[in-house]
């Protein structure tokens, strides 16, 4: 199958979707495209930045993080006082 045939086949599938399925397919496609950009961005980070992100993810997986609600409450108290 050449590129033109593949595009036409995709178009026909997309064109037959109802609104909800079309929105879902759009989201999936955007996630796929953005994940490729994320990989490019990751490789542009320094080793220290990458390590910091990996360390943070590991802390969250061990429930050592601070919840969003706790952070928001802290700063609401700090700046609304």
PDB file of N, CA and C in Angstrom:
ATOM      1  N   UNK A   1       0.861  -1.169   0.000  1.00  0.00           N
ATOM      2  CA  UNK A   1       0.000   0.000   0.000  1.00  0.00           C
ATOM      3  C   UNK A   1       0.911   1.237   0.000  1.00  0.00           C
ATOM      4  N   UNK A   2       0.653   2.143  -0.943  1.00  0.00           N
ATOM      5  CA  UNK A   2       1.462   3.363  -0.984  1.00  0.00           C
ATOM      6  C   UNK A   2       0.894   4.415  -0.045  1.00  0.00           C
ATOM      7  N   UNK A   3       1.578   5.520   0.073  1.00  0.00           N
ATOM      8  CA  UNK A   3       1.193   6.565   1.033  1.00  0.00           C
ATOM      9  C   UNK A   3      -0.190   7.138   0.711  1.00  0.00           C
ATOM     10  N   UNK A   4      -0.462   7.389  -0.555  1.00  0.00           N
ATOM     11  CA  UNK A   4      -1.763   7.953  -0.935  1.00  0.00           C
ATOM     12  C   UNK A   4      -2.901   6.999  -0.570  1.00  0.00           C
ATOM     13  N   UNK A   5      -2.701   5.701  -0.810  1.00  0.00           N
ATOM     14  CA  UNK A   5      -3.734   4.714  -0.462  1.00  0.00           C
ATOM     15  C   UNK A   5      -3.932   4.636   1.046  1.00  0.00           C
ATOM     16  N   UNK A   6      -2.844   4.700   1.772  1.00  0.00           N
ATOM     17  CA  UNK A   6      -2.923   4.656   3.230  1.00  0.00           C
ATOM     18  C   UNK A   6      -3.668   5.872   3.773  1.00  0.00           C
ATOM     19  N   UNK A   7      -3.356   7.058   3.255  1.00  0.00           N
ATOM     20  CA  UNK A   7      -4.056   8.284   3.682  1.00  0.00           C
ATOM     21  C   UNK A   7      -5.546   8.193   3.369  1.00  0.00           C
ATOM     22  N   UNK A   8      -5.883   7.691   2.186  1.00  0.00           N
ATOM     23  CA  UNK A   8      -7.288   7.564   1.804  1.00  0.00           C
ATOM     24  C   UNK A   8      -8.009   6.584   2.717  1.00  0.00           C
ATOM     25  N   UNK A   9      -7.356   5.477   3.021  1.00  0.00           N
ATOM     26  CA  UNK A   9      -7.959   4.481   3.918  1.00  0.00           C
ATOM     27  C   UNK A   9      -8.197   5.085   5.305  1.00  0.00           C
ATOM     28  N   UNK A  10      -7.205   5.798   5.825  1.00  0.00           N
ATOM     29  CA  UNK A  10      -7.368   6.470   7.118  1.00  0.00           C
ATOM     30  C   UNK A  10      -8.501   7.494   7.067  1.00  0.00           C
ATOM     31  N   UNK A  11      -8.524   8.289   6.019  1.00  0.00           N
ATOM     32  CA  UNK A  11      -9.574   9.299   5.883  1.00  0.00           C
ATOM     33  C   UNK A  11     -10.955   8.655   5.913  1.00  0.00           C
ATOM     34  N   UNK A  12     -11.118   7.561   5.179  1.00  0.00           N
ATOM     35  CA  UNK A  12     -12.423   6.888   5.131  1.00  0.00           C
ATOM     36  C   UNK A  12     -12.819   6.356   6.499  1.00  0.00           C
ATOM     37  N   UNK A  13     -11.880   5.805   7.228  1.00  0.00           N
ATOM     38  CA  UNK A  13     -12.186   5.331   8.588  1.00  0.00           C
ATOM     39  C   UNK A  13     -12.573   6.506   9.481  1.00  0.00           C
ATOM     40  N   UNK A  14     -11.798   7.559   9.420  1.00  0.00           N
ATOM     41  CA  UNK A  14     -12.064   8.733  10.261  1.00  0.00           C
ATOM     42  C   UNK A  14     -13.393   9.370   9.884  1.00  0.00           C
ATOM     43  N   UNK A  15     -13.671   9.456   8.608  1.00  0.00           N
ATOM     44  CA  UNK A  15     -14.899  10.084   8.124  1.00  0.00           C
ATOM     45  C   UNK A  15     -16.147   9.329   8.566  1.00  0.00           C
ATOM     46  N   UNK A  16     -16.021   8.040   8.830  1.00  0.00           N
ATOM     47  CA  UNK A  16     -17.188   7.236   9.211  1.00  0.00           C
ATOM     48  C   UNK A  16     -17.453   7.262  10.723  1.00  0.00           C
ATOM     49  N   UNK A  17     -16.584   7.877  11.500  1.00  0.00           N
ATOM     50  CA  UNK A  17     -16.738   7.891  12.958  1.00  0.00           C
ATOM     51  C   UNK A  17     -17.816   8.870  13.399  1.00  0.00           C
ATOM     52  N   UNK A  18     -18.517   8.500  14.491  1.00  0.00           N
ATOM     53  CA  UNK A  18     -19.440   9.464  15.079  1.00  0.00           C
ATOM     54  C   UNK A  18     -18.639  10.467  15.911  1.00  0.00           C
ATOM     55  N   UNK A  19     -19.302  11.485  16.429  1.00  0.00           N
ATOM     56  CA  UNK A  19     -18.627  12.590  17.110  1.00  0.00           C
ATOM     57  C   UNK A  19     -17.758  12.115  18.266  1.00  0.00           C
ATOM     58  N   UNK A  20     -18.311  11.257  19.135  1.00  0.00           N
ATOM     59  CA  UNK A  20     -17.557  10.792  20.303  1.00  0.00           C
ATOM     60  C   UNK A  20     -16.322   9.990  19.904  1.00  0.00           C
ATOM     61  N   UNK A  21     -16.506   9.081  18.946  1.00  0.00           N
ATOM     62  CA  UNK A  21     -15.368   8.280  18.498  1.00  0.00           C
ATOM     63  C   UNK A  21     -14.327   9.135  17.787  1.00  0.00           C
ATOM     64  N   UNK A  22     -14.788  10.146  17.046  1.00  0.00           N
ATOM     65  CA  UNK A  22     -13.859  11.046  16.363  1.00  0.00           C
ATOM     66  C   UNK A  22     -13.026  11.830  17.374  1.00  0.00           C
ATOM     67  N   UNK A  23     -13.673  12.320  18.434  1.00  0.00           N
ATOM     68  CA  UNK A  23     -12.936  13.042  19.478  1.00  0.00           C
ATOM     69  C   UNK A  23     -11.928  12.126  20.169  1.00  0.00           C
ATOM     70  N   UNK A  24     -12.317  10.886  20.407  1.00  0.00           N
ATOM     71  CA  UNK A  24     -11.404   9.929  21.036  1.00  0.00           C
ATOM     72  C   UNK A  24     -10.207   9.638  20.119  1.00  0.00           C
ATOM     73  N   UNK A  25     -10.469   9.435  18.847  1.00  0.00           N
ATOM     74  CA  UNK A  25      -9.387   9.171  17.888  1.00  0.00           C
ATOM     75  C   UNK A  25      -8.452  10.368  17.795  1.00  0.00           C
ATOM     76  N   UNK A  26      -9.016  11.552  17.820  1.00  0.00           N
ATOM     77  CA  UNK A  26      -8.217  12.771  17.783  1.00  0.00           C
ATOM     78  C   UNK A  26      -7.288  12.829  18.997  1.00  0.00           C
ATOM     79  N   UNK A  27      -7.824  12.510  20.174  1.00  0.00           N
ATOM     80  CA  UNK A  27      -7.020  12.497  21.390  1.00  0.00           C
ATOM     81  C   UNK A  27      -5.898  11.473  21.332  1.00  0.00           C
ATOM     82  N   UNK A  28      -6.215  10.297  20.825  1.00  0.00           N
ATOM     83  CA  UNK A  28      -5.201   9.244  20.702  1.00  0.00           C
ATOM     84  C   UNK A  28      -4.096   9.695  19.754  1.00  0.00           C
ATOM     85  N   UNK A  29      -4.480  10.281  18.624  1.00  0.00           N
ATOM     86  CA  UNK A  29      -3.491  10.746  17.652  1.00  0.00           C
ATOM     87  C   UNK A  29      -2.620  11.849  18.235  1.00  0.00           C
ATOM     88  N   UNK A  30      -3.246  12.793  18.954  1.00  0.00           N
ATOM     89  CA  UNK A  30      -2.460  13.856  19.586  1.00  0.00           C
ATOM     90  C   UNK A  30      -1.492  13.295  20.621  1.00  0.00           C
ATOM     91  N   UNK A  31      -1.952  12.353  21.429  1.00  0.00           N
ATOM     92  CA  UNK A  31      -1.069  11.733  22.415  1.00  0.00           C
ATOM     93  C   UNK A  31       0.111  11.056  21.743  1.00  0.00           C
ATOM     94  N   UNK A  32      -0.154  10.376  20.647  1.00  0.00           N
ATOM     95  CA  UNK A  32       0.916   9.699  19.912  1.00  0.00           C
ATOM     96  C   UNK A  32       1.924  10.714  19.376  1.00  0.00           C
ATOM     97  N   UNK A  33       1.428  11.763  18.749  1.00  0.00           N
ATOM     98  CA  UNK A  33       2.325  12.774  18.190  1.00  0.00           C
ATOM     99  C   UNK A  33       3.098  13.506  19.282  1.00  0.00           C
ATOM    100  N   UNK A  34       2.426  13.830  20.373  1.00  0.00           N
ATOM    101  CA  UNK A  34       3.095  14.529  21.475  1.00  0.00           C
ATOM    102  C   UNK A  34       4.134  13.654  22.159  1.00  0.00           C
ATOM    103  N   UNK A  35       3.901  12.351  22.192  1.00  0.00           N
ATOM    104  CA  UNK A  35       4.881  11.467  22.836  1.00  0.00           C
ATOM    105  C   UNK A  35       6.182  11.469  22.046  1.00  0.00           C
ATOM    106  N   UNK A  36       6.113  11.604  20.751  1.00  0.00           N
ATOM    107  CA  UNK A  36       7.334  11.704  19.945  1.00  0.00           C
ATOM    108  C   UNK A  36       8.081  12.989  20.274  1.00  0.00           C
ATOM    109  N   UNK A  37       7.346  14.086  20.474  1.00  0.00           N
ATOM    110  CA  UNK A  37       7.977  15.349  20.861  1.00  0.00           C
ATOM    111  C   UNK A  37       8.593  15.245  22.245  1.00  0.00           C
ATOM    112  N   UNK A  38       7.909  14.529  23.148  1.00  0.00           N
ATOM    113  CA  UNK A  38       8.424  14.369  24.501  1.00  0.00           C
ATOM    114  C   UNK A  38       9.777  13.667  24.493  1.00  0.00           C
ATOM    115  N   UNK A  39       9.924  12.674  23.623  1.00  0.00           N
ATOM    116  CA  UNK A  39      11.199  11.962  23.541  1.00  0.00           C
ATOM    117  C   UNK A  39      12.299  12.892  23.049  1.00  0.00           C
ATOM    118  N   UNK A  40      11.973  13.751  22.102  1.00  0.00           N
ATOM    119  CA  UNK A  40      12.951  14.726  21.623  1.00  0.00           C
ATOM    120  C   UNK A  40      13.333  15.691  22.743  1.00  0.00           C
ATOM    121  N   UNK A  41      12.338  16.135  23.491  1.00  0.00           N
ATOM    122  CA  UNK A  41      12.605  17.062  24.594  1.00  0.00           C
ATOM    123  C   UNK A  41      13.454  16.389  25.672  1.00  0.00           C
ATOM    124  N   UNK A  42      13.192  15.127  25.957  1.00  0.00           N
ATOM    125  CA  UNK A  42      13.947  14.401  26.970  1.00  0.00           C
ATOM    126  C   UNK A  42      15.423  14.355  26.604  1.00  0.00           C
ATOM    127  N   UNK A  43      15.711  14.087  25.347  1.00  0.00           N
ATOM    128  CA  UNK A  43      17.113  13.980  24.932  1.00  0.00           C
ATOM    129  C   UNK A  43      17.822  15.334  24.956  1.00  0.00           C
ATOM    130  N   UNK A  44      17.057  16.421  24.982  1.00  0.00           N
ATOM    131  CA  UNK A  44      17.660  17.748  25.054  1.00  0.00           C
ATOM    132  C   UNK A  44      17.945  18.197  26.490  1.00  0.00           C
ATOM    133  N   UNK A  45      17.446  17.429  27.471  1.00  0.00           N
ATOM    134  CA  UNK A  45      17.706  17.767  28.871  1.00  0.00           C
ATOM    135  C   UNK A  45      19.119  17.352  29.256  1.00  0.00           C
ATOM    136  N   UNK A  46      19.664  18.042  30.253  1.00  0.00           N
ATOM    137  CA  UNK A  46      20.974  17.642  30.769  1.00  0.00           C
ATOM    138  C   UNK A  46      20.816  16.359  31.578  1.00  0.00           C
ATOM    139  N   UNK A  47      21.917  15.687  31.846  1.00  0.00           N
ATOM    140  CA  UNK A  47      21.899  14.463  32.654  1.00  0.00           C
ATOM    141  C   UNK A  47      21.338  14.769  34.042  1.00  0.00           C
ATOM    142  N   UNK A  48      21.712  15.920  34.597  1.00  0.00           N
ATOM    143  CA  UNK A  48      21.216  16.299  35.926  1.00  0.00           C
ATOM    144  C   UNK A  48      19.699  16.492  35.915  1.00  0.00           C
ATOM    145  N   UNK A  49      19.168  17.120  34.863  1.00  0.00           N
ATOM    146  CA  UNK A  49      17.723  17.326  34.768  1.00  0.00           C
ATOM    147  C   UNK A  49      17.000  15.989  34.631  1.00  0.00           C
ATOM    148  N   UNK A  50      17.525  15.103  33.792  1.00  0.00           N
ATOM    149  CA  UNK A  50      16.921  13.785  33.637  1.00  0.00           C
ATOM    150  C   UNK A  50      16.923  13.020  34.955  1.00  0.00           C
ATOM    151  N   UNK A  51      18.040  13.079  35.678  1.00  0.00           N
ATOM    152  CA  UNK A  51      18.151  12.388  36.960  1.00  0.00           C
ATOM    153  C   UNK A  51      17.130  12.943  37.954  1.00  0.00           C
ATOM    154  N   UNK A  52      16.984  14.260  37.975  1.00  0.00           N
ATOM    155  CA  UNK A  52      16.013  14.880  38.875  1.00  0.00           C
ATOM    156  C   UNK A  52      14.595  14.414  38.601  1.00  0.00           C
ATOM    157  N   UNK A  53      14.244  14.296  37.344  1.00  0.00           N
ATOM    158  CA  UNK A  53      12.904  13.834  36.975  1.00  0.00           C
ATOM    159  C   UNK A  53      12.717  12.368  37.370  1.00  0.00           C
ATOM    160  N   UNK A  54      13.697  11.544  37.074  1.00  0.00           N
ATOM    161  CA  UNK A  54      13.612  10.119  37.426  1.00  0.00           C
ATOM    162  C   UNK A  54      13.523   9.953  38.938  1.00  0.00           C
ATOM    163  N   UNK A  55      14.340  10.704  39.684  1.00  0.00           N
ATOM    164  CA  UNK A  55      14.295  10.642  41.149  1.00  0.00           C
ATOM    165  C   UNK A  55      12.915  11.052  41.667  1.00  0.00           C
ATOM    166  N   UNK A  56      12.333  12.088  41.075  1.00  0.00           N
ATOM    167  CA  UNK A  56      11.003  12.553  41.499  1.00  0.00           C
ATOM    168  C   UNK A  56       9.941  11.500  41.238  1.00  0.00           C
ATOM    169  N   UNK A  57      10.006  10.864  40.096  1.00  0.00           N
ATOM    170  CA  UNK A  57       9.044   9.805  39.770  1.00  0.00           C
ATOM    171  C   UNK A  57       9.185   8.648  40.760  1.00  0.00           C
ATOM    172  N   UNK A  58      10.413   8.277  41.071  1.00  0.00           N
ATOM    173  CA  UNK A  58      10.638   7.201  42.050  1.00  0.00           C
ATOM    174  C   UNK A  58      10.079   7.565  43.416  1.00  0.00           C
ATOM    175  N   UNK A  59      10.242   8.808  43.841  1.00  0.00           N
ATOM    176  CA  UNK A  59       9.685   9.247  45.123  1.00  0.00           C
ATOM    177  C   UNK A  59       8.162   9.149  45.116  1.00  0.00           C
ATOM    178  N   UNK A  60       7.536   9.571  44.024  1.00  0.00           N
ATOM    179  CA  UNK A  60       6.081   9.497  43.937  1.00  0.00           C
ATOM    180  C   UNK A  60       5.594   8.055  43.983  1.00  0.00           C
ATOM    181  N   UNK A  61       6.326   7.156  43.319  1.00  0.00           N
ATOM    182  CA  UNK A  61       5.936   5.743  43.331  1.00  0.00           C
ATOM    183  C   UNK A  61       6.047   5.131  44.721  1.00  0.00           C
ATOM    184  N   UNK A  62       6.893   5.706  45.567  1.00  0.00           N
ATOM    185  CA  UNK A  62       7.059   5.230  46.940  1.00  0.00           C
ATOM    186  C   UNK A  62       6.184   6.022  47.912  1.00  0.00           C
ATOM    187  N   UNK A  63       5.242   6.805  47.375  1.00  0.00           N
ATOM    188  CA  UNK A  63       4.340   7.643  48.178  1.00  0.00           C
ATOM    189  C   UNK A  63       5.106   8.623  49.055  1.00  0.00           C
ATOM    190  N   UNK A  64       6.221   9.132  48.556  1.00  0.00           N
ATOM    191  CA  UNK A  64       7.012  10.100  49.296  1.00  0.00           C
ATOM    192  C   UNK A  64       6.769  11.527  48.805  1.00  0.00           C
ATOM    193  N   UNK A  65       5.816  11.690  47.914  1.00  0.00           N
ATOM    194  CA  UNK A  65       5.529  13.013  47.364  1.00  0.00           C
ATOM    195  C   UNK A  65       4.576  13.793  48.252  1.00  0.00           C
ATOM    196  N   UNK A  66       4.306  15.011  47.842  1.00  0.00           N
ATOM    197  CA  UNK A  66       3.355  15.879  48.534  1.00  0.00           C
ATOM    198  C   UNK A  66       2.128  15.990  47.634  1.00  0.00           C
ATOM    199  N   UNK A  67       0.958  15.794  48.202  1.00  0.00           N
ATOM    200  CA  UNK A  67      -0.257  15.822  47.385  1.00  0.00           C
ATOM    201  C   UNK A  67      -0.523  17.229  46.853  1.00  0.00           C
ATOM    202  N   UNK A  68      -1.208  17.270  45.753  1.00  0.00           N
ATOM    203  CA  UNK A  68      -1.589  18.542  45.134  1.00  0.00           C
ATOM    204  C   UNK A  68      -2.381  19.391  46.118  1.00  0.00           C
ATOM    205  N   UNK A  69      -3.322  18.753  46.814  1.00  0.00           N
ATOM    206  CA  UNK A  69      -4.162  19.491  47.766  1.00  0.00           C
ATOM    207  C   UNK A  69      -3.330  20.109  48.883  1.00  0.00           C
ATOM    208  N   UNK A  70      -2.326  19.387  49.381  1.00  0.00           N
ATOM    209  CA  UNK A  70      -1.471  19.927  50.432  1.00  0.00           C
ATOM    210  C   UNK A  70      -0.678  21.134  49.946  1.00  0.00           C
ATOM    211  N   UNK A  71      -0.151  21.043  48.746  1.00  0.00           N
ATOM    212  CA  UNK A  71       0.612  22.166  48.184  1.00  0.00           C
ATOM    213  C   UNK A  71      -0.296  23.373  47.990  1.00  0.00           C
ATOM    214  N   UNK A  72      -1.471  23.145  47.434  1.00  0.00           N
ATOM    215  CA  UNK A  72      -2.402  24.255  47.198  1.00  0.00           C
ATOM    216  C   UNK A  72      -2.824  24.906  48.514  1.00  0.00           C
ATOM    217  N   UNK A  73      -3.098  24.103  49.521  1.00  0.00           N
ATOM    218  CA  UNK A  73      -3.509  24.653  50.819  1.00  0.00           C
ATOM    219  C   UNK A  73      -2.393  25.480  51.436  1.00  0.00           C
ATOM    220  N   UNK A  74      -1.157  24.991  51.334  1.00  0.00           N
ATOM    221  CA  UNK A  74      -0.008  25.702  51.881  1.00  0.00           C
ATOM    222  C   UNK A  74       0.100  27.100  51.275  1.00  0.00           C
ATOM    223  N   UNK A  75      -0.008  27.188  49.959  1.00  0.00           N
ATOM    224  CA  UNK A  75       0.167  28.486  49.310  1.00  0.00           C
ATOM    225  C   UNK A  75      -1.069  29.366  49.413  1.00  0.00           C
ATOM    226  N   UNK A  76      -2.241  28.776  49.535  1.00  0.00           N
ATOM    227  CA  UNK A  76      -3.439  29.581  49.805  1.00  0.00           C
ATOM    228  C   UNK A  76      -3.311  30.244  51.169  1.00  0.00           C
ATOM    229  N   UNK A  77      -2.862  29.463  52.156  1.00  0.00           N
ATOM    230  CA  UNK A  77      -2.672  30.005  53.498  1.00  0.00           C
ATOM    231  C   UNK A  77      -1.600  31.082  53.500  1.00  0.00           C
ATOM    232  N   UNK A  78      -0.540  30.859  52.765  1.00  0.00           N
ATOM    233  CA  UNK A  78       0.595  31.788  52.756  1.00  0.00           C
ATOM    234  C   UNK A  78       0.229  33.108  52.105  1.00  0.00           C
ATOM    235  N   UNK A  79      -0.486  33.076  50.979  1.00  0.00           N
ATOM    236  CA  UNK A  79      -0.726  34.304  50.228  1.00  0.00           C
ATOM    237  C   UNK A  79      -2.096  34.933  50.483  1.00  0.00           C
ATOM    238  N   UNK A  80      -2.989  34.233  51.121  1.00  0.00           N
ATOM    239  CA  UNK A  80      -4.287  34.818  51.448  1.00  0.00           C
ATOM    240  C   UNK A  80      -4.322  35.397  52.848  1.00  0.00           C
ATOM    241  N   UNK A  81      -3.265  35.182  53.590  1.00  0.00           N
ATOM    242  CA  UNK A  81      -3.234  35.653  54.988  1.00  0.00           C
ATOM    243  C   UNK A  81      -2.949  37.123  55.083  1.00  0.00           C
TER     244      UNK A  81
END
